């Protein structure tokens, strides 16, 4: 196959400077409707009762499932290289980085 043809079929991804440093988040709130999943990524800090949402991602259900698969695959690779990821005191379905009381969104 022609090398020029291969380059035409490759997706080019641009990473703008203002996005390239990323945002530290340690809390996610996930909601959904029949047509989309909404993932709010927030930063929770100890002693501060208010979390700040740093990013909101809206996905079609098919893309949410693809993301889940990609995360699972990468966690398997990570644990193969670095050992099991341990989540201390995992209770119920809510996983917060610090002790929190029930809050409101």
PDB file of N, CA and C in Angstrom:
ATOM      1  N   UNK A   1       0.836  -1.193   0.000  1.00  0.00           N
ATOM      2  CA  UNK A   1       0.000   0.000   0.000  1.00  0.00           C
ATOM      3  C   UNK A   1       0.878   1.253   0.000  1.00  0.00           C
ATOM      4  N   UNK A   2       0.421   2.259  -0.645  1.00  0.00           N
ATOM      5  CA  UNK A   2       1.131   3.524  -0.774  1.00  0.00           C
ATOM      6  C   UNK A   2       1.216   4.236   0.579  1.00  0.00           C
ATOM      7  N   UNK A   3       2.413   4.705   0.958  1.00  0.00           N
ATOM      8  CA  UNK A   3       2.631   5.382   2.239  1.00  0.00           C
ATOM      9  C   UNK A   3       1.841   6.686   2.328  1.00  0.00           C
ATOM     10  N   UNK A   4       1.692   7.401   1.197  1.00  0.00           N
ATOM     11  CA  UNK A   4       0.900   8.632   1.178  1.00  0.00           C
ATOM     12  C   UNK A   4      -0.559   8.340   1.495  1.00  0.00           C
ATOM     13  N   UNK A   5      -1.058   7.221   0.992  1.00  0.00           N
ATOM     14  CA  UNK A   5      -2.436   6.824   1.238  1.00  0.00           C
ATOM     15  C   UNK A   5      -2.650   6.521   2.721  1.00  0.00           C
ATOM     16  N   UNK A   6      -1.673   5.886   3.382  1.00  0.00           N
ATOM     17  CA  UNK A   6      -1.764   5.594   4.813  1.00  0.00           C
ATOM     18  C   UNK A   6      -1.858   6.882   5.618  1.00  0.00           C
ATOM     19  N   UNK A   7      -1.055   7.891   5.268  1.00  0.00           N
ATOM     20  CA  UNK A   7      -1.060   9.162   5.996  1.00  0.00           C
ATOM     21  C   UNK A   7      -2.398   9.881   5.860  1.00  0.00           C
ATOM     22  N   UNK A   8      -3.070   9.742   4.718  1.00  0.00           N
ATOM     23  CA  UNK A   8      -4.367  10.387   4.509  1.00  0.00           C
ATOM     24  C   UNK A   8      -5.437   9.777   5.411  1.00  0.00           C
ATOM     25  N   UNK A   9      -5.293   8.498   5.759  1.00  0.00           N
ATOM     26  CA  UNK A   9      -6.288   7.805   6.572  1.00  0.00           C
ATOM     27  C   UNK A   9      -6.036   7.942   8.068  1.00  0.00           C
ATOM     28  N   UNK A  10      -4.931   8.565   8.469  1.00  0.00           N
ATOM     29  CA  UNK A  10      -4.625   8.722   9.887  1.00  0.00           C
ATOM     30  C   UNK A  10      -5.303   9.962  10.445  1.00  0.00           C
ATOM     31  N   UNK A  11      -5.857   9.809  11.635  1.00  0.00           N
ATOM     32  CA  UNK A  11      -6.488  10.934  12.323  1.00  0.00           C
ATOM     33  C   UNK A  11      -5.402  11.790  12.941  1.00  0.00           C
ATOM     34  N   UNK A  12      -5.456  13.068  12.694  1.00  0.00           N
ATOM     35  CA  UNK A  12      -4.518  13.997  13.301  1.00  0.00           C
ATOM     36  C   UNK A  12      -5.206  14.642  14.495  1.00  0.00           C
ATOM     37  N   UNK A  13      -4.535  14.645  15.627  1.00  0.00           N
ATOM     38  CA  UNK A  13      -5.099  15.209  16.846  1.00  0.00           C
ATOM     39  C   UNK A  13      -4.257  16.395  17.267  1.00  0.00           C
ATOM     40  N   UNK A  14      -4.924  17.525  17.480  1.00  0.00           N
ATOM     41  CA  UNK A  14      -4.235  18.727  17.926  1.00  0.00           C
ATOM     42  C   UNK A  14      -4.446  18.887  19.424  1.00  0.00           C
ATOM     43  N   UNK A  15      -3.376  19.169  20.143  1.00  0.00           N
ATOM     44  CA  UNK A  15      -3.435  19.401  21.587  1.00  0.00           C
ATOM     45  C   UNK A  15      -3.055  20.858  21.840  1.00  0.00           C
ATOM     46  N   UNK A  16      -4.069  21.728  22.023  1.00  0.00           N
ATOM     47  CA  UNK A  16      -3.767  23.150  22.238  1.00  0.00           C
ATOM     48  C   UNK A  16      -2.955  23.364  23.506  1.00  0.00           C
ATOM     49  N   UNK A  17      -2.111  24.375  23.504  1.00  0.00           N
ATOM     50  CA  UNK A  17      -1.234  24.682  24.629  1.00  0.00           C
ATOM     51  C   UNK A  17      -2.015  24.813  25.931  1.00  0.00           C
ATOM     52  N   UNK A  18      -3.168  25.494  25.914  1.00  0.00           N
ATOM     53  CA  UNK A  18      -3.924  25.725  27.144  1.00  0.00           C
ATOM     54  C   UNK A  18      -4.535  24.444  27.711  1.00  0.00           C
ATOM     55  N   UNK A  19      -4.594  23.382  26.916  1.00  0.00           N
ATOM     56  CA  UNK A  19      -5.136  22.104  27.373  1.00  0.00           C
ATOM     57  C   UNK A  19      -4.012  21.128  27.738  1.00  0.00           C
ATOM     58  N   UNK A  20      -2.830  21.343  27.194  1.00  0.00           N
ATOM     59  CA  UNK A  20      -1.740  20.371  27.289  1.00  0.00           C
ATOM     60  C   UNK A  20      -1.256  20.089  28.714  1.00  0.00           C
ATOM     61  N   UNK A  21      -1.388  21.043  29.632  1.00  0.00           N
ATOM     62  CA  UNK A  21      -0.966  20.796  31.015  1.00  0.00           C
ATOM     63  C   UNK A  21      -1.977  19.984  31.800  1.00  0.00           C
ATOM     64  N   UNK A  22      -3.190  19.890  31.311  1.00  0.00           N
ATOM     65  CA  UNK A  22      -4.217  19.108  31.976  1.00  0.00           C
ATOM     66  C   UNK A  22      -4.750  19.792  33.227  1.00  0.00           C
ATOM     67  N   UNK A  23      -5.702  19.143  33.871  1.00  0.00           N
ATOM     68  CA  UNK A  23      -6.299  19.581  35.125  1.00  0.00           C
ATOM     69  C   UNK A  23      -6.258  18.411  36.079  1.00  0.00           C
ATOM     70  N   UNK A  24      -5.815  18.633  37.307  1.00  0.00           N
ATOM     71  CA  UNK A  24      -5.847  17.576  38.316  1.00  0.00           C
ATOM     72  C   UNK A  24      -7.277  17.441  38.826  1.00  0.00           C
ATOM     73  N   UNK A  25      -7.819  16.238  38.766  1.00  0.00           N
ATOM     74  CA  UNK A  25      -9.141  15.952  39.320  1.00  0.00           C
ATOM     75  C   UNK A  25      -9.048  14.672  40.147  1.00  0.00           C
ATOM     76  N   UNK A  26      -9.897  14.576  41.168  1.00  0.00           N
ATOM     77  CA  UNK A  26      -9.897  13.390  42.003  1.00  0.00           C
ATOM     78  C   UNK A  26     -11.309  12.965  42.384  1.00  0.00           C
ATOM     79  N   UNK A  27     -12.289  13.436  41.609  1.00  0.00           N
ATOM     80  CA  UNK A  27     -13.679  13.106  41.898  1.00  0.00           C
ATOM     81  C   UNK A  27     -14.467  13.189  40.593  1.00  0.00           C
ATOM     82  N   UNK A  28     -15.353  12.232  40.362  1.00  0.00           N
ATOM     83  CA  UNK A  28     -16.176  12.240  39.154  1.00  0.00           C
ATOM     84  C   UNK A  28     -17.632  12.037  39.524  1.00  0.00           C
ATOM     85  N   UNK A  29     -18.493  12.771  38.843  1.00  0.00           N
ATOM     86  CA  UNK A  29     -19.929  12.613  38.990  1.00  0.00           C
ATOM     87  C   UNK A  29     -20.445  12.227  37.612  1.00  0.00           C
ATOM     88  N   UNK A  30     -21.113  11.080  37.528  1.00  0.00           N
ATOM     89  CA  UNK A  30     -21.565  10.579  36.235  1.00  0.00           C
ATOM     90  C   UNK A  30     -23.078  10.469  36.247  1.00  0.00           C
ATOM     91  N   UNK A  31     -23.712  11.091  35.256  1.00  0.00           N
ATOM     92  CA  UNK A  31     -25.157  10.993  35.086  1.00  0.00           C
ATOM     93  C   UNK A  31     -25.432  10.601  33.640  1.00  0.00           C
ATOM     94  N   UNK A  32     -26.657  10.183  33.366  1.00  0.00           N
ATOM     95  CA  UNK A  32     -26.979   9.808  31.994  1.00  0.00           C
ATOM     96  C   UNK A  32     -28.462  10.002  31.704  1.00  0.00           C
ATOM     97  N   UNK A  33     -28.747  10.104  30.419  1.00  0.00           N
ATOM     98  CA  UNK A  33     -30.114  10.101  29.907  1.00  0.00           C
ATOM     99  C   UNK A  33     -30.159   8.975  28.875  1.00  0.00           C
ATOM    100  N   UNK A  34     -31.234   8.891  28.149  1.00  0.00           N
ATOM    101  CA  UNK A  34     -31.318   7.831  27.132  1.00  0.00           C
ATOM    102  C   UNK A  34     -30.355   8.070  25.973  1.00  0.00           C
ATOM    103  N   UNK A  35     -29.878   9.304  25.819  1.00  0.00           N
ATOM    104  CA  UNK A  35     -29.057   9.615  24.649  1.00  0.00           C
ATOM    105  C   UNK A  35     -27.623  10.038  24.944  1.00  0.00           C
ATOM    106  N   UNK A  36     -27.280  10.230  26.237  1.00  0.00           N
ATOM    107  CA  UNK A  36     -25.916  10.691  26.521  1.00  0.00           C
ATOM    108  C   UNK A  36     -25.507  10.394  27.959  1.00  0.00           C
ATOM    109  N   UNK A  37     -24.198  10.324  28.144  1.00  0.00           N
ATOM    110  CA  UNK A  37     -23.590  10.241  29.471  1.00  0.00           C
ATOM    111  C   UNK A  37     -22.880  11.564  29.714  1.00  0.00           C
ATOM    112  N   UNK A  38     -23.010  12.091  30.925  1.00  0.00           N
ATOM    113  CA  UNK A  38     -22.337  13.331  31.289  1.00  0.00           C
ATOM    114  C   UNK A  38     -21.388  13.016  32.433  1.00  0.00           C
ATOM    115  N   UNK A  39     -20.123  13.334  32.245  1.00  0.00           N
ATOM    116  CA  UNK A  39     -19.096  13.090  33.252  1.00  0.00           C
ATOM    117  C   UNK A  39     -18.549  14.443  33.690  1.00  0.00           C
ATOM    118  N   UNK A  40     -18.806  14.799  34.942  1.00  0.00           N
ATOM    119  CA  UNK A  40     -18.235  16.007  35.529  1.00  0.00           C
ATOM    120  C   UNK A  40     -17.024  15.594  36.349  1.00  0.00           C
ATOM    121  N   UNK A  41     -15.874  16.166  36.033  1.00  0.00           N
ATOM    122  CA  UNK A  41     -14.628  15.863  36.730  1.00  0.00           C
ATOM    123  C   UNK A  41     -14.302  17.042  37.633  1.00  0.00           C
ATOM    124  N   UNK A  42     -14.111  16.756  38.926  1.00  0.00           N
ATOM    125  CA  UNK A  42     -13.944  17.817  39.910  1.00  0.00           C
ATOM    126  C   UNK A  42     -12.700  17.590  40.754  1.00  0.00           C
ATOM    127  N   UNK A  43     -12.341  18.637  41.469  1.00  0.00           N
ATOM    128  CA  UNK A  43     -11.233  18.579  42.415  1.00  0.00           C
ATOM    129  C   UNK A  43     -11.805  18.809  43.808  1.00  0.00           C
ATOM    130  N   UNK A  44     -11.606  17.815  44.689  1.00  0.00           N
ATOM    131  CA  UNK A  44     -12.022  17.907  46.089  1.00  0.00           C
ATOM    132  C   UNK A  44     -10.761  18.098  46.917  1.00  0.00           C
ATOM    133  N   UNK A  45     -10.758  19.095  47.792  1.00  0.00           N
ATOM    134  CA  UNK A  45      -9.600  19.347  48.646  1.00  0.00           C
ATOM    135  C   UNK A  45      -9.995  19.175  50.102  1.00  0.00           C
ATOM    136  N   UNK A  46      -9.093  18.625  50.924  1.00  0.00           N
ATOM    137  CA  UNK A  46      -9.422  18.406  52.329  1.00  0.00           C
ATOM    138  C   UNK A  46      -9.716  19.725  53.042  1.00  0.00           C
ATOM    139  N   UNK A  47     -10.758  19.712  53.854  1.00  0.00           N
ATOM    140  CA  UNK A  47     -11.104  20.894  54.627  1.00  0.00           C
ATOM    141  C   UNK A  47     -11.896  21.942  53.864  1.00  0.00           C
ATOM    142  N   UNK A  48     -12.121  21.717  52.588  1.00  0.00           N
ATOM    143  CA  UNK A  48     -12.887  22.665  51.785  1.00  0.00           C
ATOM    144  C   UNK A  48     -14.190  21.979  51.382  1.00  0.00           C
ATOM    145  N   UNK A  49     -15.329  22.501  51.855  1.00  0.00           N
ATOM    146  CA  UNK A  49     -16.600  21.799  51.648  1.00  0.00           C
ATOM    147  C   UNK A  49     -17.176  21.903  50.235  1.00  0.00           C
ATOM    148  N   UNK A  50     -16.543  22.663  49.363  1.00  0.00           N
ATOM    149  CA  UNK A  50     -17.078  22.861  48.015  1.00  0.00           C
ATOM    150  C   UNK A  50     -16.085  22.343  46.976  1.00  0.00           C
ATOM    151  N   UNK A  51     -16.545  21.426  46.127  1.00  0.00           N
ATOM    152  CA  UNK A  51     -15.704  20.906  45.047  1.00  0.00           C
ATOM    153  C   UNK A  51     -15.912  21.751  43.800  1.00  0.00           C
ATOM    154  N   UNK A  52     -14.848  21.913  43.025  1.00  0.00           N
ATOM    155  CA  UNK A  52     -14.923  22.692  41.799  1.00  0.00           C
ATOM    156  C   UNK A  52     -14.872  21.760  40.599  1.00  0.00           C
ATOM    157  N   UNK A  53     -15.887  21.826  39.731  1.00  0.00           N
ATOM    158  CA  UNK A  53     -15.873  21.040  38.499  1.00  0.00           C
ATOM    159  C   UNK A  53     -14.863  21.679  37.556  1.00  0.00           C
ATOM    160  N   UNK A  54     -13.908  20.886  37.116  1.00  0.00           N
ATOM    161  CA  UNK A  54     -12.850  21.369  36.233  1.00  0.00           C
ATOM    162  C   UNK A  54     -13.130  21.062  34.768  1.00  0.00           C
ATOM    163  N   UNK A  55     -13.952  20.034  34.520  1.00  0.00           N
ATOM    164  CA  UNK A  55     -14.245  19.673  33.142  1.00  0.00           C
ATOM    165  C   UNK A  55     -15.545  18.884  33.084  1.00  0.00           C
ATOM    166  N   UNK A  56     -16.298  19.086  32.031  1.00  0.00           N
ATOM    167  CA  UNK A  56     -17.511  18.307  31.775  1.00  0.00           C
ATOM    168  C   UNK A  56     -17.346  17.664  30.406  1.00  0.00           C
ATOM    169  N   UNK A  57     -17.559  16.345  30.360  1.00  0.00           N
ATOM    170  CA  UNK A  57     -17.456  15.597  29.116  1.00  0.00           C
ATOM    171  C   UNK A  57     -18.821  14.975  28.842  1.00  0.00           C
ATOM    172  N   UNK A  58     -19.327  15.169  27.634  1.00  0.00           N
ATOM    173  CA  UNK A  58     -20.616  14.616  27.248  1.00  0.00           C
ATOM    174  C   UNK A  58     -20.363  13.596  26.141  1.00  0.00           C
ATOM    175  N   UNK A  59     -20.846  12.372  26.363  1.00  0.00           N
ATOM    176  CA  UNK A  59     -20.571  11.267  25.445  1.00  0.00           C
ATOM    177  C   UNK A  59     -21.851  10.571  25.016  1.00  0.00           C
ATOM    178  N   UNK A  60     -21.877  10.096  23.782  1.00  0.00           N
ATOM    179  CA  UNK A  60     -22.938   9.198  23.343  1.00  0.00           C
ATOM    180  C   UNK A  60     -22.753   7.880  24.095  1.00  0.00           C
ATOM    181  N   UNK A  61     -23.818   7.114  24.338  1.00  0.00           N
ATOM    182  CA  UNK A  61     -23.684   5.846  25.064  1.00  0.00           C
ATOM    183  C   UNK A  61     -22.631   4.913  24.462  1.00  0.00           C
ATOM    184  N   UNK A  62     -22.554   4.852  23.138  1.00  0.00           N
ATOM    185  CA  UNK A  62     -21.563   3.978  22.494  1.00  0.00           C
ATOM    186  C   UNK A  62     -20.140   4.428  22.824  1.00  0.00           C
ATOM    187  N   UNK A  63     -19.920   5.730  22.866  1.00  0.00           N
ATOM    188  CA  UNK A  63     -18.580   6.244  23.174  1.00  0.00           C
ATOM    189  C   UNK A  63     -18.261   6.046  24.649  1.00  0.00           C
ATOM    190  N   UNK A  64     -19.260   6.148  25.517  1.00  0.00           N
ATOM    191  CA  UNK A  64     -19.043   5.889  26.943  1.00  0.00           C
ATOM    192  C   UNK A  64     -18.594   4.445  27.139  1.00  0.00           C
ATOM    193  N   UNK A  65     -19.215   3.528  26.421  1.00  0.00           N
ATOM    194  CA  UNK A  65     -18.839   2.112  26.551  1.00  0.00           C
ATOM    195  C   UNK A  65     -17.439   1.870  25.987  1.00  0.00           C
ATOM    196  N   UNK A  66     -17.092   2.547  24.906  1.00  0.00           N
ATOM    197  CA  UNK A  66     -15.732   2.436  24.358  1.00  0.00           C
ATOM    198  C   UNK A  66     -14.703   2.993  25.346  1.00  0.00           C
ATOM    199  N   UNK A  67     -15.039   4.107  25.993  1.00  0.00           N
ATOM    200  CA  UNK A  67     -14.149   4.692  26.993  1.00  0.00           C
ATOM    201  C   UNK A  67     -13.958   3.728  28.157  1.00  0.00           C
ATOM    202  N   UNK A  68     -15.047   3.113  28.625  1.00  0.00           N
ATOM    203  CA  UNK A  68     -14.956   2.123  29.693  1.00  0.00           C
ATOM    204  C   UNK A  68     -14.001   0.999  29.311  1.00  0.00           C
ATOM    205  N   UNK A  69     -14.131   0.481  28.102  1.00  0.00           N
ATOM    206  CA  UNK A  69     -13.249  -0.586  27.630  1.00  0.00           C
ATOM    207  C   UNK A  69     -11.796  -0.144  27.564  1.00  0.00           C
ATOM    208  N   UNK A  70     -11.559   1.071  27.082  1.00  0.00           N
ATOM    209  CA  UNK A  70     -10.194   1.589  26.986  1.00  0.00           C
ATOM    210  C   UNK A  70      -9.590   1.776  28.372  1.00  0.00           C
ATOM    211  N   UNK A  71     -10.383   2.268  29.335  1.00  0.00           N
ATOM    212  CA  UNK A  71      -9.891   2.419  30.706  1.00  0.00           C
ATOM    213  C   UNK A  71      -9.574   1.057  31.319  1.00  0.00           C
ATOM    214  N   UNK A  72     -10.459   0.080  31.113  1.00  0.00           N
ATOM    215  CA  UNK A  72     -10.210  -1.264  31.646  1.00  0.00           C
ATOM    216  C   UNK A  72      -8.924  -1.848  31.077  1.00  0.00           C
ATOM    217  N   UNK A  73      -8.743  -1.708  29.780  1.00  0.00           N
ATOM    218  CA  UNK A  73      -7.539  -2.224  29.127  1.00  0.00           C
ATOM    219  C   UNK A  73      -6.280  -1.550  29.681  1.00  0.00           C
ATOM    220  N   UNK A  74      -6.330  -0.248  29.871  1.00  0.00           N
ATOM    221  CA  UNK A  74      -5.169   0.471  30.381  1.00  0.00           C
ATOM    222  C   UNK A  74      -4.901   0.178  31.850  1.00  0.00           C
ATOM    223  N   UNK A  75      -5.932  -0.057  32.643  1.00  0.00           N
ATOM    224  CA  UNK A  75      -5.724  -0.436  34.047  1.00  0.00           C
ATOM    225  C   UNK A  75      -5.059  -1.807  34.123  1.00  0.00           C
ATOM    226  N   UNK A  76      -5.479  -2.738  33.281  1.00  0.00           N
ATOM    227  CA  UNK A  76      -4.834  -4.059  33.240  1.00  0.00           C
ATOM    228  C   UNK A  76      -3.348  -3.900  32.916  1.00  0.00           C
ATOM    229  N   UNK A  77      -3.024  -3.085  31.922  1.00  0.00           N
ATOM    230  CA  UNK A  77      -1.613  -2.858  31.556  1.00  0.00           C
ATOM    231  C   UNK A  77      -0.843  -2.200  32.702  1.00  0.00           C
ATOM    232  N   UNK A  78      -1.449  -1.195  33.326  1.00  0.00           N
ATOM    233  CA  UNK A  78      -0.810  -0.500  34.439  1.00  0.00           C
ATOM    234  C   UNK A  78      -0.499  -1.482  35.566  1.00  0.00           C
ATOM    235  N   UNK A  79      -1.501  -2.286  35.951  1.00  0.00           N
ATOM    236  CA  UNK A  79      -1.311  -3.216  37.065  1.00  0.00           C
ATOM    237  C   UNK A  79      -0.308  -4.315  36.719  1.00  0.00           C
ATOM    238  N   UNK A  80      -0.224  -4.675  35.467  1.00  0.00           N
ATOM    239  CA  UNK A  80       0.787  -5.645  35.038  1.00  0.00           C
ATOM    240  C   UNK A  80       2.188  -5.073  35.246  1.00  0.00           C
ATOM    241  N   UNK A  81       2.358  -3.785  34.997  1.00  0.00           N
ATOM    242  CA  UNK A  81       3.667  -3.143  35.116  1.00  0.00           C
ATOM    243  C   UNK A  81       3.989  -2.657  36.526  1.00  0.00           C
ATOM    244  N   UNK A  82       2.995  -2.170  37.261  1.00  0.00           N
ATOM    245  CA  UNK A  82       3.250  -1.490  38.532  1.00  0.00           C
ATOM    246  C   UNK A  82       2.589  -2.131  39.746  1.00  0.00           C
ATOM    247  N   UNK A  83       1.783  -3.154  39.555  1.00  0.00           N
ATOM    248  CA  UNK A  83       1.102  -3.799  40.676  1.00  0.00           C
ATOM    249  C   UNK A  83      -0.342  -3.338  40.803  1.00  0.00           C
ATOM    250  N   UNK A  84      -1.071  -4.047  41.629  1.00  0.00           N
ATOM    251  CA  UNK A  84      -2.495  -3.794  41.817  1.00  0.00           C
ATOM    252  C   UNK A  84      -2.757  -2.405  42.389  1.00  0.00           C
ATOM    253  N   UNK A  85      -3.736  -1.743  41.835  1.00  0.00           N
ATOM    254  CA  UNK A  85      -4.178  -0.454  42.358  1.00  0.00           C
ATOM    255  C   UNK A  85      -5.112  -0.741  43.522  1.00  0.00           C
ATOM    256  N   UNK A  86      -4.769  -0.243  44.677  1.00  0.00           N
ATOM    257  CA  UNK A  86      -5.586  -0.477  45.866  1.00  0.00           C
ATOM    258  C   UNK A  86      -6.409   0.770  46.154  1.00  0.00           C
ATOM    259  N   UNK A  87      -7.683   0.563  46.466  1.00  0.00           N
ATOM    260  CA  UNK A  87      -8.576   1.653  46.844  1.00  0.00           C
ATOM    261  C   UNK A  87      -8.943   1.432  48.304  1.00  0.00           C
ATOM    262  N   UNK A  88      -8.351   2.211  49.223  1.00  0.00           N
ATOM    263  CA  UNK A  88      -8.617   2.019  50.651  1.00  0.00           C
ATOM    264  C   UNK A  88     -10.036   2.416  51.030  1.00  0.00           C
ATOM    265  N   UNK A  89     -10.603   1.673  51.972  1.00  0.00           N
ATOM    266  CA  UNK A  89     -11.915   1.994  52.533  1.00  0.00           C
ATOM    267  C   UNK A  89     -12.989   2.210  51.485  1.00  0.00           C
ATOM    268  N   UNK A  90     -13.042   1.334  50.506  1.00  0.00           N
ATOM    269  CA  UNK A  90     -14.061   1.461  49.472  1.00  0.00           C
ATOM    270  C   UNK A  90     -15.391   0.993  50.039  1.00  0.00           C
ATOM    271  N   UNK A  91     -16.288   1.944  50.276  1.00  0.00           N
ATOM    272  CA  UNK A  91     -17.594   1.627  50.840  1.00  0.00           C
ATOM    273  C   UNK A  91     -18.678   2.084  49.874  1.00  0.00           C
ATOM    274  N   UNK A  92     -19.628   1.222  49.623  1.00  0.00           N
ATOM    275  CA  UNK A  92     -20.745   1.603  48.768  1.00  0.00           C
ATOM    276  C   UNK A  92     -20.300   1.920  47.362  1.00  0.00           C
ATOM    277  N   UNK A  93     -21.009   2.804  46.712  1.00  0.00           N
ATOM    278  CA  UNK A  93     -20.726   3.147  45.321  1.00  0.00           C
ATOM    279  C   UNK A  93     -19.987   4.460  45.168  1.00  0.00           C
ATOM    280  N   UNK A  94     -19.944   5.274  46.215  1.00  0.00           N
ATOM    281  CA  UNK A  94     -19.277   6.564  46.104  1.00  0.00           C
ATOM    282  C   UNK A  94     -17.826   6.418  46.533  1.00  0.00           C
ATOM    283  N   UNK A  95     -16.932   6.862  45.693  1.00  0.00           N
ATOM    284  CA  UNK A  95     -15.515   6.806  46.010  1.00  0.00           C
ATOM    285  C   UNK A  95     -15.001   8.233  46.021  1.00  0.00           C
ATOM    286  N   UNK A  96     -14.785   8.779  47.201  1.00  0.00           N
ATOM    287  CA  UNK A  96     -14.269  10.133  47.330  1.00  0.00           C
ATOM    288  C   UNK A  96     -12.851  10.064  47.868  1.00  0.00           C
ATOM    289  N   UNK A  97     -11.995  10.982  47.465  1.00  0.00           N
ATOM    290  CA  UNK A  97     -10.607  10.951  47.908  1.00  0.00           C
ATOM    291  C   UNK A  97     -10.441  11.321  49.372  1.00  0.00           C
ATOM    292  N   UNK A  98     -11.411  12.024  49.944  1.00  0.00           N
ATOM    293  CA  UNK A  98     -11.351  12.444  51.339  1.00  0.00           C
ATOM    294  C   UNK A  98     -12.706  12.153  51.960  1.00  0.00           C
ATOM    295  N   UNK A  99     -12.762  12.023  53.289  1.00  0.00           N
ATOM    296  CA  UNK A  99     -14.061  11.820  53.914  1.00  0.00           C
ATOM    297  C   UNK A  99     -14.985  13.007  53.600  1.00  0.00           C
ATOM    298  N   UNK A 100     -16.171  12.705  53.108  1.00  0.00           N
ATOM    299  CA  UNK A 100     -17.123  13.765  52.790  1.00  0.00           C
ATOM    300  C   UNK A 100     -18.489  13.404  53.324  1.00  0.00           C
ATOM    301  N   UNK A 101     -19.274  14.410  53.594  1.00  0.00           N
ATOM    302  CA  UNK A 101     -20.673  14.165  53.896  1.00  0.00           C
ATOM    303  C   UNK A 101     -21.423  14.205  52.590  1.00  0.00           C
ATOM    304  N   UNK A 102     -22.654  13.762  52.594  1.00  0.00           N
ATOM    305  CA  UNK A 102     -23.424  13.782  51.363  1.00  0.00           C
ATOM    306  C   UNK A 102     -23.633  15.227  50.924  1.00  0.00           C
ATOM    307  N   UNK A 103     -23.285  15.509  49.694  1.00  0.00           N
ATOM    308  CA  UNK A 103     -23.418  16.861  49.174  1.00  0.00           C
ATOM    309  C   UNK A 103     -24.498  16.942  48.134  1.00  0.00           C
ATOM    310  N   UNK A 104     -24.674  18.100  47.594  1.00  0.00           N
ATOM    311  CA  UNK A 104     -25.641  18.317  46.535  1.00  0.00           C
ATOM    312  C   UNK A 104     -24.925  18.824  45.302  1.00  0.00           C
ATOM    313  N   UNK A 105     -25.418  18.400  44.159  1.00  0.00           N
ATOM    314  CA  UNK A 105     -24.821  18.869  42.899  1.00  0.00           C
ATOM    315  C   UNK A 105     -25.503  20.124  42.439  1.00  0.00           C
TER     316      UNK A 105
END
